[in-house]
Amino acid sequence: MSDDSGLWLLAAGPAGATALYWALYRYYRNTDKSHGFEHETDIDAKPVTGSERKVGEVKGTQQRRIDGDNVGDYRQRVKRLR
């Protein structure tokens, strides 16, 4: 075996590893097929709707529980179908 024939075999290892890495990277990342949300999506902004009616107020941390909680009877909110 001559020296020239072994040189291409020595260079094929890193070249093959680089090609395999690039192919797996492209396959799993799908960089050419991914959706660019910021660039491809149109978002129409609309004014905020609602009211400014105040519904309640809690000042300080004197209350240890929230009114209407279901800690004691946690299945109360479950509605069974008959």
N, C-alpha and C. Protein backbone atom coordinates (compact mmCIF):
# COMPACT_ATOMS: atom_id res chain seq x y z
N MET A 1 0.84 -1.17 0.00
CA MET A 1 0.00 0.00 0.00
C MET A 1 0.89 1.23 0.00
N SER A 2 0.57 2.16 -0.88
CA SER A 2 1.40 3.37 -1.00
C SER A 2 0.93 4.43 -0.01
N ASP A 3 1.70 5.46 0.16
CA ASP A 3 1.37 6.54 1.09
C ASP A 3 0.19 7.36 0.60
N ASP A 4 -0.01 7.53 -0.69
CA ASP A 4 -1.10 8.34 -1.23
C ASP A 4 -2.46 7.70 -0.99
N SER A 5 -2.57 6.40 -1.03
CA SER A 5 -3.87 5.75 -0.85
C SER A 5 -4.33 5.82 0.61
N GLY A 6 -3.44 5.88 1.55
CA GLY A 6 -3.81 5.97 2.95
C GLY A 6 -4.20 7.37 3.38
N LEU A 7 -3.80 8.37 2.62
CA LEU A 7 -4.09 9.77 2.98
C LEU A 7 -5.57 10.10 2.81
N TRP A 8 -6.19 9.62 1.76
CA TRP A 8 -7.62 9.90 1.56
C TRP A 8 -8.45 9.19 2.62
N LEU A 9 -7.99 8.01 3.06
CA LEU A 9 -8.70 7.29 4.12
C LEU A 9 -8.61 8.04 5.44
N LEU A 10 -7.47 8.65 5.69
CA LEU A 10 -7.29 9.43 6.89
C LEU A 10 -8.15 10.70 6.88
N ALA A 11 -8.32 11.31 5.71
CA ALA A 11 -9.14 12.52 5.59
C ALA A 11 -10.63 12.20 5.56
N ALA A 12 -11.00 10.96 5.20
CA ALA A 12 -12.42 10.60 5.11
C ALA A 12 -13.08 10.56 6.49
N GLY A 13 -12.35 10.27 7.54
CA GLY A 13 -12.92 10.20 8.89
C GLY A 13 -13.49 11.54 9.36
N PRO A 14 -12.68 12.60 9.42
CA PRO A 14 -13.23 13.89 9.85
C PRO A 14 -14.26 14.45 8.87
N ALA A 15 -14.07 14.21 7.58
CA ALA A 15 -15.05 14.71 6.60
C ALA A 15 -16.38 13.98 6.77
N GLY A 16 -16.33 12.67 7.00
CA GLY A 16 -17.56 11.92 7.22
C GLY A 16 -18.25 12.31 8.51
N ALA A 17 -17.47 12.55 9.55
CA ALA A 17 -18.04 12.97 10.82
C ALA A 17 -18.71 14.34 10.70
N THR A 18 -18.07 15.24 9.97
CA THR A 18 -18.65 16.57 9.76
C THR A 18 -19.94 16.47 8.96
N ALA A 19 -19.95 15.65 7.92
CA ALA A 19 -21.15 15.48 7.11
C ALA A 19 -22.28 14.85 7.92
N LEU A 20 -21.97 13.86 8.74
CA LEU A 20 -22.98 13.23 9.58
C LEU A 20 -23.53 14.20 10.60
N TYR A 21 -22.66 14.99 11.24
CA TYR A 21 -23.12 16.00 12.21
C TYR A 21 -24.04 17.01 11.54
N TRP A 22 -23.67 17.50 10.38
CA TRP A 22 -24.47 18.50 9.68
C TRP A 22 -25.82 17.92 9.25
N ALA A 23 -25.83 16.66 8.78
CA ALA A 23 -27.09 16.03 8.38
C ALA A 23 -28.01 15.83 9.57
N LEU A 24 -27.49 15.37 10.71
CA LEU A 24 -28.31 15.20 11.90
C LEU A 24 -28.80 16.54 12.44
N TYR A 25 -27.95 17.55 12.39
CA TYR A 25 -28.35 18.88 12.84
C TYR A 25 -29.51 19.40 12.00
N ARG A 26 -29.39 19.27 10.69
CA ARG A 26 -30.46 19.75 9.80
C ARG A 26 -31.74 18.94 9.99
N TYR A 27 -31.62 17.64 10.23
CA TYR A 27 -32.78 16.78 10.39
C TYR A 27 -33.54 17.11 11.66
N TYR A 28 -32.84 17.24 12.77
CA TYR A 28 -33.51 17.45 14.04
C TYR A 28 -33.87 18.90 14.31
N ARG A 29 -33.15 19.83 13.76
CA ARG A 29 -33.46 21.23 13.99
C ARG A 29 -34.50 21.76 13.01
N ASN A 30 -34.59 21.20 11.83
CA ASN A 30 -35.51 21.65 10.80
C ASN A 30 -35.42 23.16 10.58
N THR A 31 -34.20 23.65 10.51
CA THR A 31 -34.02 25.10 10.41
C THR A 31 -34.61 25.67 9.14
N ASP A 32 -34.69 24.87 8.09
CA ASP A 32 -35.26 25.38 6.85
C ASP A 32 -36.77 25.25 6.82
N LYS A 33 -37.37 24.53 7.77
CA LYS A 33 -38.81 24.31 7.76
C LYS A 33 -39.51 24.91 8.97
N SER A 34 -38.78 25.50 9.88
CA SER A 34 -39.42 26.01 11.08
C SER A 34 -40.19 27.29 10.80
N HIS A 35 -41.16 27.55 11.66
CA HIS A 35 -42.06 28.69 11.50
C HIS A 35 -41.50 29.87 12.28
N GLY A 36 -41.24 30.96 11.59
CA GLY A 36 -40.78 32.17 12.25
C GLY A 36 -41.97 33.02 12.64
N PHE A 37 -42.43 32.89 13.89
CA PHE A 37 -43.65 33.55 14.33
C PHE A 37 -43.57 35.06 14.15
N GLU A 38 -42.46 35.64 14.51
CA GLU A 38 -42.33 37.10 14.47
C GLU A 38 -42.39 37.63 13.04
N HIS A 39 -41.95 36.84 12.08
CA HIS A 39 -41.86 37.32 10.70
C HIS A 39 -43.03 36.87 9.84
N GLU A 40 -43.67 35.75 10.18
CA GLU A 40 -44.68 35.17 9.30
C GLU A 40 -46.11 35.31 9.81
N THR A 41 -46.32 35.93 10.95
CA THR A 41 -47.65 36.02 11.53
C THR A 41 -48.09 37.48 11.58
N ASP A 42 -49.29 37.73 11.05
CA ASP A 42 -49.87 39.07 11.13
C ASP A 42 -50.74 39.15 12.38
N ILE A 43 -50.50 40.16 13.19
CA ILE A 43 -51.27 40.35 14.41
C ILE A 43 -51.95 41.71 14.31
N ASP A 44 -53.27 41.68 14.39
CA ASP A 44 -54.04 42.92 14.36
C ASP A 44 -54.36 43.32 15.79
N ALA A 45 -53.80 44.42 16.23
CA ALA A 45 -54.06 44.90 17.59
C ALA A 45 -55.38 45.63 17.62
N LYS A 46 -56.17 45.35 18.64
CA LYS A 46 -57.46 45.98 18.82
C LYS A 46 -57.47 46.66 20.18
N PRO A 47 -58.29 47.67 20.34
CA PRO A 47 -58.33 48.34 21.65
C PRO A 47 -58.89 47.41 22.73
N VAL A 48 -58.45 47.63 23.93
CA VAL A 48 -58.89 46.83 25.06
C VAL A 48 -60.34 47.19 25.38
N THR A 49 -61.17 46.16 25.58
CA THR A 49 -62.56 46.40 25.93
C THR A 49 -62.79 45.95 27.36
N GLY A 50 -63.76 46.54 28.00
CA GLY A 50 -64.07 46.19 29.38
C GLY A 50 -64.57 47.40 30.12
N SER A 51 -64.66 47.26 31.41
CA SER A 51 -65.13 48.38 32.22
C SER A 51 -64.15 48.60 33.36
N GLU A 52 -64.31 49.72 33.98
CA GLU A 52 -63.43 50.06 35.09
C GLU A 52 -64.19 49.99 36.41
N ARG A 53 -65.21 49.14 36.47
CA ARG A 53 -66.00 49.01 37.69
C ARG A 53 -65.20 48.23 38.73
N LYS A 54 -65.12 48.76 39.93
CA LYS A 54 -64.38 48.13 41.01
C LYS A 54 -65.23 47.00 41.60
N VAL A 55 -64.65 45.82 41.75
CA VAL A 55 -65.43 44.68 42.24
C VAL A 55 -65.12 44.34 43.69
N GLY A 56 -64.01 44.73 44.20
CA GLY A 56 -63.70 44.42 45.60
C GLY A 56 -62.34 44.97 45.97
N GLU A 57 -62.05 44.90 47.26
CA GLU A 57 -60.78 45.45 47.73
C GLU A 57 -60.36 44.71 48.99
N VAL A 58 -59.09 44.33 49.05
CA VAL A 58 -58.52 43.71 50.23
C VAL A 58 -57.29 44.53 50.59
N LYS A 59 -57.29 45.07 51.79
CA LYS A 59 -56.16 45.87 52.24
C LYS A 59 -55.42 45.12 53.33
N GLY A 60 -54.12 45.10 53.22
CA GLY A 60 -53.31 44.46 54.24
C GLY A 60 -53.37 42.94 54.13
N THR A 61 -52.82 42.30 55.16
CA THR A 61 -52.79 40.84 55.17
C THR A 61 -53.50 40.30 56.40
N GLN A 62 -54.57 40.92 56.81
CA GLN A 62 -55.28 40.50 58.02
C GLN A 62 -56.10 39.23 57.76
N GLN A 63 -56.62 39.07 56.56
CA GLN A 63 -57.43 37.88 56.27
C GLN A 63 -56.51 36.72 55.89
N ARG A 64 -56.66 35.60 56.58
CA ARG A 64 -55.84 34.43 56.28
C ARG A 64 -56.44 33.58 55.18
N ARG A 65 -57.70 33.70 54.90
CA ARG A 65 -58.37 32.87 53.91
C ARG A 65 -59.12 33.77 52.92
N ILE A 66 -59.40 33.22 51.78
CA ILE A 66 -60.18 33.93 50.76
C ILE A 66 -61.64 33.57 50.96
N ASP A 67 -62.52 34.56 50.89
CA ASP A 67 -63.95 34.30 51.04
C ASP A 67 -64.41 33.38 49.91
N GLY A 68 -65.15 32.35 50.28
CA GLY A 68 -65.70 31.43 49.29
C GLY A 68 -64.76 30.32 48.86
N ASP A 69 -63.65 30.11 49.57
CA ASP A 69 -62.75 29.02 49.18
C ASP A 69 -63.40 27.67 49.48
N ASN A 70 -62.90 26.63 48.86
CA ASN A 70 -63.48 25.31 49.05
C ASN A 70 -62.46 24.33 49.62
N VAL A 71 -61.65 24.79 50.57
CA VAL A 71 -60.62 23.95 51.16
C VAL A 71 -61.26 22.82 51.96
N GLY A 72 -62.31 23.11 52.71
CA GLY A 72 -62.95 22.08 53.52
C GLY A 72 -63.75 21.09 52.69
N ASP A 73 -64.36 21.55 51.61
CA ASP A 73 -65.19 20.69 50.77
C ASP A 73 -64.74 20.88 49.33
N TYR A 74 -63.61 20.25 49.01
CA TYR A 74 -63.00 20.50 47.70
C TYR A 74 -63.75 19.86 46.55
N ARG A 75 -64.67 18.93 46.80
CA ARG A 75 -65.45 18.33 45.71
C ARG A 75 -66.73 19.11 45.43
N GLN A 76 -66.94 20.20 46.11
CA GLN A 76 -68.15 20.99 45.92
C GLN A 76 -68.25 21.53 44.50
N ARG A 77 -67.12 21.87 43.91
CA ARG A 77 -67.14 22.46 42.59
C ARG A 77 -67.33 21.45 41.47
N VAL A 78 -67.18 20.14 41.79
CA VAL A 78 -67.30 19.12 40.77
C VAL A 78 -68.78 18.85 40.52
N LYS A 79 -69.22 19.02 39.30
CA LYS A 79 -70.59 18.76 38.93
C LYS A 79 -70.65 17.43 38.18
N ARG A 80 -71.34 16.44 38.76
CA ARG A 80 -71.47 15.13 38.14
C ARG A 80 -72.61 15.13 37.14
N LEU A 81 -72.38 14.47 36.02
CA LEU A 81 -73.45 14.30 35.04
C LEU A 81 -74.26 13.07 35.38
N ARG A 82 -75.56 13.17 35.25
CA ARG A 82 -76.42 12.01 35.55
C ARG A 82 -77.09 11.55 34.29
